[in-house]
């Protein structure tokens, strides 16, 4: 931050132009490079024989983890970056640039605005993207959005449609921790039984999670991944969307699921089914999709060089099912609904 700026001042005191010239431009474009922050448009080069891929997402001031105090202002900005970069990961893309868009209430302190911006910049730099511009405007509440720009080779882009009968269903991260973390933020009084390490583990689902850029690239380049998306609304919801886009059924195999003990304990205390709880609302930005043919976790480790969790198979039909022994039942677990604002 420019030294003469008072961190206890508000964005109203400084105004849009000073915020850009004395905070954002030095942070995002300290060397005043051409094609970045400074002109009406940024210019980004895309490799030949590649698609430019673009996505945009917003986080509101009432984001549950922020409202609960799990995310501070810096991690709030970081979370915005993760949310947007994760969409590039789901397509197997390479991040190139981010646009940073802020709706700011006039009473927001300069130090908090700087923290948000620094958190956003931190995750951008970590994954090789430049913040090349954006927009600042006045708003009744804090509202942050971003646009992510990247590229992927035209013959390697991962899409939601493409799963085939006989493919293997995978998820890249442990299932269930984020639904618990979300519930923990909403109902802290019901989680007094958590140990300190368990509390830190759950809060890490919001302030430590990273976009799966490396895995997305490996899946894209391998040629084995037949469908893919990132988990922002819940694993059950994601599987339903993949099944619909590929016109098939996703069958979850009960004996392939290895829920962490914390997931089972939390579900039992809430008197609900651990698997339904684990597949419910929660954004951990894991990649969920299908691999061509029959896979084991070890085969994925050998060929992809990373751990993924094999949890099911693709069959004829439509929807999502749970198989336990010879029993196969519909498994309809609803994800997050932004208009209901409840899990």
Protein backbone atom coordinates (compact mmCIF):
# COMPACT_ATOMS: atom_id res chain seq x y z
CA UNK A 1 0.00 0.00 0.00
CA UNK A 2 1.22 3.50 -0.75
CA UNK A 3 2.62 4.74 2.55
CA UNK A 4 0.62 7.96 2.77
CA UNK A 5 -2.71 6.13 2.58
CA UNK A 6 -4.48 5.78 5.91
CA UNK A 7 -5.50 2.10 6.31
CA UNK A 8 -8.29 3.12 8.67
CA UNK A 9 -9.84 5.36 6.02
CA UNK A 10 -12.75 4.07 3.95
CA UNK A 11 -13.13 3.50 0.22
CA UNK A 12 -15.52 6.47 0.26
CA UNK A 13 -12.69 8.70 1.50
CA UNK A 14 -10.41 7.74 -1.38
CA UNK A 15 -12.71 7.10 -4.32
CA UNK A 16 -12.43 4.78 -7.29
CA UNK A 17 -9.52 6.41 -9.13
CA UNK A 18 -7.19 6.50 -6.13
CA UNK A 19 -8.08 2.89 -5.27
CA UNK A 20 -7.00 1.88 -8.76
CA UNK A 21 -3.92 4.07 -9.13
CA UNK A 22 -2.48 3.75 -5.65
CA UNK A 23 -3.58 0.25 -4.57
CA UNK A 24 -4.62 -2.01 -7.43
CA UNK A 25 -2.25 -0.92 -10.18
CA UNK A 26 0.89 -1.15 -7.98
CA UNK A 27 -0.31 -4.54 -6.70
CA UNK A 28 -1.38 -6.14 -9.98
CA UNK A 29 0.96 -4.38 -12.42
CA UNK A 30 3.93 -2.98 -10.49
CA UNK A 31 6.16 -2.81 -13.59
CA UNK A 32 3.49 -1.03 -15.63
CA UNK A 33 3.63 -3.67 -18.33
CA UNK A 34 1.74 -3.09 -21.54
CA UNK A 35 -1.29 -5.34 -22.11
CA UNK A 36 -2.18 -5.34 -18.39
CA UNK A 37 -3.84 -2.95 -15.92
CA UNK A 38 -3.82 0.57 -17.36
CA UNK A 39 -5.73 0.46 -20.66
CA UNK A 40 -9.42 -0.01 -21.37
CA UNK A 41 -8.73 -3.63 -22.34
CA UNK A 42 -5.96 -6.05 -21.47
CA UNK A 43 -4.34 -8.13 -24.22
CA UNK A 44 -3.66 -11.83 -23.65
CA UNK A 45 -1.93 -14.14 -26.12
CA UNK A 46 -3.51 -17.55 -26.73
CA UNK A 47 -1.36 -20.37 -28.15
CA UNK A 48 -2.30 -21.55 -31.62
CA UNK A 49 -4.55 -24.61 -31.98
CA UNK A 50 -6.09 -23.81 -28.59
CA UNK A 51 -9.42 -22.56 -27.32
CA UNK A 52 -9.56 -19.48 -25.14
CA UNK A 53 -11.66 -20.59 -22.17
CA UNK A 54 -13.50 -18.06 -20.00
CA UNK A 55 -15.55 -18.33 -16.82
CA UNK A 56 -16.97 -15.94 -14.26
CA UNK A 57 -18.19 -16.35 -10.67
CA UNK A 58 -19.21 -14.13 -7.77
CA UNK A 59 -18.96 -14.39 -4.00
CA UNK A 60 -21.40 -12.25 -1.97
CA UNK A 61 -20.82 -10.68 1.43
CA UNK A 62 -23.10 -13.29 2.98
CA UNK A 63 -20.88 -16.19 1.90
CA UNK A 64 -21.46 -18.53 4.83
CA UNK A 65 -17.81 -19.14 5.73
CA UNK A 66 -17.08 -15.39 5.61
CA UNK A 67 -20.15 -14.50 7.63
CA UNK A 68 -19.16 -17.13 10.22
CA UNK A 69 -15.71 -15.62 10.60
CA UNK A 70 -13.87 -18.63 9.15
CA UNK A 71 -12.61 -16.55 6.23
CA UNK A 72 -10.92 -13.22 6.97
CA UNK A 73 -10.77 -10.51 4.31
CA UNK A 74 -7.57 -11.82 2.74
CA UNK A 75 -8.87 -15.37 2.48
CA UNK A 76 -12.15 -13.97 1.16
CA UNK A 77 -10.23 -12.53 -1.78
CA UNK A 78 -8.27 -15.75 -2.13
CA UNK A 79 -11.50 -17.76 -2.18
CA UNK A 80 -12.76 -15.64 -5.07
CA UNK A 81 -9.66 -16.54 -7.05
CA UNK A 82 -9.94 -20.25 -6.24
CA UNK A 83 -13.60 -20.28 -7.25
CA UNK A 84 -12.82 -18.88 -10.69
CA UNK A 85 -9.58 -20.75 -11.39
CA UNK A 86 -11.31 -24.01 -10.50
CA UNK A 87 -13.52 -23.70 -13.57
CA UNK A 88 -10.41 -23.61 -15.76
CA UNK A 89 -9.11 -26.72 -13.97
CA UNK A 90 -12.36 -28.57 -14.73
CA UNK A 91 -11.76 -28.03 -18.45
CA UNK A 92 -8.09 -29.04 -18.32
CA UNK A 93 -7.03 -25.45 -18.92
CA UNK A 94 -3.95 -23.35 -18.26
CA UNK A 95 -4.71 -20.10 -16.38
CA UNK A 96 -3.60 -16.90 -18.07
CA UNK A 97 -5.45 -13.94 -16.60
CA UNK A 98 -8.07 -12.81 -14.10
CA UNK A 99 -10.36 -9.79 -13.99
CA UNK A 100 -11.17 -8.45 -10.51
CA UNK A 101 -14.60 -6.86 -10.05
CA UNK A 102 -15.62 -5.20 -6.79
CA UNK A 103 -18.90 -3.80 -5.55
CA UNK A 104 -17.84 -1.92 -2.41
CA UNK A 105 -19.93 -0.40 0.36
CA UNK A 106 -18.69 3.09 1.13
CA UNK A 107 -17.85 2.23 4.74
CA UNK A 108 -15.40 -0.56 3.79
CA UNK A 109 -12.01 0.17 5.35
CA UNK A 110 -8.98 0.63 3.10
CA UNK A 111 -7.06 -2.02 5.05
CA UNK A 112 -9.82 -4.56 4.40
CA UNK A 113 -9.91 -3.69 0.71
CA UNK A 114 -6.13 -4.12 0.53
CA UNK A 115 -6.41 -7.52 2.26
CA UNK A 116 -9.07 -8.71 -0.20
CA UNK A 117 -6.98 -7.58 -3.16
CA UNK A 118 -3.80 -9.17 -1.78
CA UNK A 119 -5.55 -12.51 -1.23
CA UNK A 120 -6.83 -12.47 -4.80
CA UNK A 121 -3.37 -11.62 -6.12
CA UNK A 122 -1.76 -14.35 -4.02
CA UNK A 123 -3.75 -17.19 -5.58
CA UNK A 124 -3.41 -15.70 -9.07
CA UNK A 125 0.38 -15.60 -8.83
CA UNK A 126 0.50 -19.08 -7.33
CA UNK A 127 -1.16 -20.52 -10.42
CA UNK A 128 0.55 -18.41 -13.03
CA UNK A 129 -2.27 -15.99 -13.83
CA UNK A 130 -2.01 -12.21 -14.03
CA UNK A 131 -4.69 -9.88 -12.73
CA UNK A 132 -5.09 -7.68 -15.80
CA UNK A 133 -8.02 -5.43 -14.93
CA UNK A 134 -11.56 -5.37 -13.68
CA UNK A 135 -14.04 -2.89 -12.27
CA UNK A 136 -14.81 -1.02 -9.06
CA UNK A 137 -18.24 0.32 -8.23
CA UNK A 138 -20.29 1.35 -5.22
CA UNK A 139 -22.63 -1.22 -3.71
CA UNK A 140 -24.94 -1.54 -0.71
CA UNK A 141 -23.02 -4.65 0.33
CA UNK A 142 -19.63 -6.13 -0.43
CA UNK A 143 -19.91 -8.07 -3.69
CA UNK A 144 -16.88 -9.61 -5.36
CA UNK A 145 -16.76 -11.29 -8.74
CA UNK A 146 -14.02 -12.30 -11.12
CA UNK A 147 -13.52 -13.57 -14.64
CA UNK A 148 -10.90 -16.21 -15.36
CA UNK A 149 -9.25 -16.54 -18.76
CA UNK A 150 -7.12 -19.47 -19.88
CA UNK A 151 -6.52 -21.81 -22.76
CA UNK A 152 -6.74 -25.49 -23.56
CA UNK A 153 -5.74 -27.43 -26.65
CA UNK A 154 -8.72 -27.86 -28.96
CA UNK A 155 -8.54 -31.65 -28.97
CA UNK A 156 -7.98 -31.91 -25.20
CA UNK A 157 -10.72 -29.84 -23.60
CA UNK A 158 -12.55 -31.63 -20.79
CA UNK A 159 -16.34 -31.29 -20.89
CA UNK A 160 -19.29 -32.44 -18.83
CA UNK A 161 -20.68 -34.52 -21.66
CA UNK A 162 -18.78 -37.55 -22.88
CA UNK A 163 -19.09 -40.33 -20.29
CA UNK A 164 -19.62 -43.77 -21.85
CA UNK A 165 -21.19 -46.99 -20.58
CA UNK A 166 -18.52 -48.93 -18.69
CA UNK A 167 -16.49 -45.87 -17.66
CA UNK A 168 -15.25 -45.39 -14.10
CA UNK A 169 -16.52 -42.55 -11.87
CA UNK A 170 -13.88 -40.67 -9.87
CA UNK A 171 -13.57 -37.77 -7.47
CA UNK A 172 -10.26 -36.11 -6.67
CA UNK A 173 -10.71 -35.35 -2.96
CA UNK A 174 -12.13 -36.98 0.15
CA UNK A 175 -15.91 -36.90 0.10
CA UNK A 176 -17.84 -35.31 2.93
CA UNK A 177 -15.53 -32.86 4.67
CA UNK A 178 -16.92 -29.74 3.01
CA UNK A 179 -20.59 -30.57 3.72
CA UNK A 180 -19.59 -30.94 7.38
CA UNK A 181 -17.60 -27.70 7.24
CA UNK A 182 -20.58 -25.88 5.77
CA UNK A 183 -22.88 -27.25 8.47
CA UNK A 184 -20.30 -26.32 11.09
CA UNK A 185 -20.38 -22.69 9.89
CA UNK A 186 -24.17 -22.64 10.04
CA UNK A 187 -24.58 -24.43 13.38
CA UNK A 188 -21.46 -23.88 15.45
CA UNK A 189 -23.29 -24.72 18.67
CA UNK A 190 -23.81 -28.30 17.45
CA UNK A 191 -20.08 -28.89 16.99
CA UNK A 192 -18.69 -28.23 20.44
CA UNK A 193 -17.49 -31.85 20.45
CA UNK A 194 -14.84 -31.16 17.80
CA UNK A 195 -11.22 -31.32 18.83
CA UNK A 196 -9.02 -28.34 17.99
CA UNK A 197 -7.33 -30.25 15.16
CA UNK A 198 -10.71 -31.26 13.71
CA UNK A 199 -11.92 -27.66 13.85
CA UNK A 200 -8.80 -26.52 12.00
CA UNK A 201 -9.33 -29.29 9.45
CA UNK A 202 -12.88 -28.17 8.73
CA UNK A 203 -12.00 -24.49 8.51
CA UNK A 204 -9.22 -25.46 6.09
CA UNK A 205 -11.92 -26.59 3.67
CA UNK A 206 -12.50 -22.88 3.05
CA UNK A 207 -9.17 -21.15 3.57
CA UNK A 208 -6.66 -23.77 2.36
CA UNK A 209 -8.37 -25.46 -0.60
CA UNK A 210 -6.72 -24.86 -3.98
CA UNK A 211 -7.97 -25.27 -7.55
CA UNK A 212 -7.01 -28.61 -9.11
CA UNK A 213 -5.11 -27.05 -12.02
CA UNK A 214 -2.37 -29.69 -12.13
CA UNK A 215 -4.80 -32.60 -12.04
CA UNK A 216 -6.99 -30.99 -14.69
CA UNK A 217 -3.98 -30.71 -16.98
CA UNK A 218 -2.96 -34.32 -16.38
CA UNK A 219 -6.48 -35.55 -17.06
CA UNK A 220 -6.67 -33.44 -20.20
CA UNK A 221 -3.33 -34.56 -21.58
CA UNK A 222 -3.85 -38.24 -20.70
CA UNK A 223 -6.74 -38.71 -23.10
CA UNK A 224 -8.43 -41.00 -20.56
CA UNK A 225 -10.88 -38.53 -19.03
CA UNK A 226 -14.26 -38.73 -20.75
CA UNK A 227 -16.15 -36.15 -18.65
CA UNK A 228 -15.29 -33.70 -15.91
CA UNK A 229 -16.56 -30.80 -13.78
CA UNK A 230 -15.60 -29.14 -10.51
CA UNK A 231 -17.57 -29.52 -7.32
CA UNK A 232 -19.12 -26.25 -6.22
CA UNK A 233 -22.59 -27.37 -5.11
CA UNK A 234 -22.08 -30.90 -3.75
CA UNK A 235 -20.82 -34.24 -5.07
CA UNK A 236 -24.31 -35.70 -5.46
CA UNK A 237 -25.46 -32.67 -7.46
CA UNK A 238 -22.32 -32.79 -9.63
CA UNK A 239 -22.85 -36.46 -10.47
CA UNK A 240 -26.47 -35.74 -11.41
CA UNK A 241 -25.32 -33.01 -13.80
CA UNK A 242 -22.69 -35.25 -15.39
CA UNK A 243 -25.23 -38.05 -15.83
CA UNK A 244 -27.71 -35.68 -17.47
CA UNK A 245 -25.14 -34.17 -19.84
CA UNK A 246 -23.83 -37.59 -20.89
CA UNK A 247 -27.29 -39.23 -21.05
CA UNK A 248 -26.31 -42.07 -18.73
CA UNK A 249 -26.49 -43.29 -15.14
CA UNK A 250 -23.83 -42.84 -12.50
CA UNK A 251 -23.78 -45.75 -10.04
CA UNK A 252 -21.97 -45.14 -6.76
CA UNK A 253 -20.48 -48.34 -5.33
CA UNK A 254 -20.95 -48.48 -1.56
CA UNK A 255 -17.92 -50.72 -1.05
CA UNK A 256 -15.68 -48.19 -2.84
CA UNK A 257 -16.54 -45.35 -0.47
CA UNK A 258 -14.08 -44.73 2.34
CA UNK A 259 -15.52 -41.87 4.35
CA UNK A 260 -13.28 -40.25 6.90
CA UNK A 261 -14.24 -41.10 10.51
CA UNK A 262 -15.04 -37.42 11.13
CA UNK A 263 -17.72 -37.55 8.42
CA UNK A 264 -19.36 -40.61 9.97
CA UNK A 265 -19.20 -39.19 13.49
CA UNK A 266 -20.80 -35.90 12.44
CA UNK A 267 -23.59 -37.67 10.56
CA UNK A 268 -24.35 -39.95 13.51
CA UNK A 269 -24.60 -36.97 15.84
CA UNK A 270 -27.11 -35.40 13.44
CA UNK A 271 -29.01 -38.70 13.12
CA UNK A 272 -28.61 -38.74 9.34
CA UNK A 273 -27.16 -41.15 6.82
CA UNK A 274 -23.38 -40.60 6.48
CA UNK A 275 -23.34 -41.14 2.72
CA UNK A 276 -26.25 -38.79 2.07
CA UNK A 277 -24.60 -36.21 4.31
CA UNK A 278 -21.25 -36.62 2.54
CA UNK A 279 -22.74 -36.16 -0.93
CA UNK A 280 -24.73 -33.07 0.07
CA UNK A 281 -24.01 -29.34 -0.40
CA UNK A 282 -20.44 -28.15 -0.15
CA UNK A 283 -17.80 -26.66 -2.45
CA UNK A 284 -14.34 -28.19 -2.20
CA UNK A 285 -13.42 -27.57 -5.87
CA UNK A 286 -12.54 -31.22 -6.35
CA UNK A 287 -12.72 -32.57 -9.88
CA UNK A 288 -15.46 -35.12 -10.49
CA UNK A 289 -15.75 -37.10 -13.68
CA UNK A 290 -15.23 -40.34 -15.56
CA UNK A 291 -12.28 -42.30 -16.90
CA UNK A 292 -12.55 -44.50 -19.99
CA UNK A 293 -13.01 -48.15 -19.07
CA UNK A 294 -12.36 -49.95 -15.80
CA UNK A 295 -9.99 -48.24 -13.35
CA UNK A 296 -8.66 -48.81 -9.87
CA UNK A 297 -7.12 -46.18 -7.63
CA UNK A 298 -3.71 -47.77 -8.13
CA UNK A 299 -4.02 -47.68 -11.91
CA UNK A 300 -4.89 -44.00 -11.74
CA UNK A 301 -1.87 -43.40 -9.52
CA UNK A 302 0.41 -45.30 -11.92
CA UNK A 303 -0.80 -43.60 -15.10
CA UNK A 304 -1.73 -40.11 -13.89
CA UNK A 305 0.81 -39.75 -11.10
CA UNK A 306 -1.84 -38.52 -8.66
CA UNK A 307 -4.36 -40.03 -6.27
CA UNK A 308 -8.01 -40.00 -7.28
CA UNK A 309 -10.83 -41.82 -5.55
CA UNK A 310 -12.65 -44.40 -7.65
CA UNK A 311 -16.26 -44.38 -6.44
CA UNK A 312 -18.47 -45.89 -9.14
CA UNK A 313 -19.28 -46.80 -12.71
CA UNK A 314 -21.29 -45.53 -15.67
CA UNK A 315 -24.29 -47.59 -16.80
CA UNK A 316 -27.28 -47.24 -19.10
CA UNK A 317 -30.22 -45.17 -17.91
CA UNK A 318 -30.44 -41.76 -16.29
CA UNK A 319 -29.73 -40.31 -12.88
CA UNK A 320 -27.58 -41.34 -9.93
CA UNK A 321 -27.85 -44.63 -8.03
CA UNK A 322 -26.25 -46.23 -4.98
CA UNK A 323 -25.29 -49.92 -5.15
CA UNK A 324 -24.74 -51.95 -1.99
CA UNK A 325 -24.31 -55.66 -2.71
CA UNK A 326 -27.09 -56.65 -5.11
CA UNK A 327 -29.27 -53.69 -4.11
CA UNK A 328 -29.33 -50.66 -6.42
CA UNK A 329 -31.48 -47.72 -5.34
CA UNK A 330 -31.97 -44.15 -6.66
CA UNK A 331 -29.65 -41.71 -4.93
CA UNK A 332 -31.02 -38.20 -5.27
CA UNK A 333 -29.03 -35.86 -3.04
CA UNK A 334 -29.79 -32.19 -3.59
CA UNK A 335 -26.96 -29.69 -3.79
CA UNK A 336 -26.73 -26.06 -2.80
CA UNK A 337 -29.56 -23.79 -3.88
CA UNK A 338 -28.57 -20.11 -3.95
CA UNK A 339 -32.19 -18.97 -3.88
CA UNK A 340 -33.09 -21.04 -0.83
CA UNK A 341 -29.79 -20.11 0.89
CA UNK A 342 -29.94 -23.32 2.90
CA UNK A 343 -28.31 -26.71 2.35
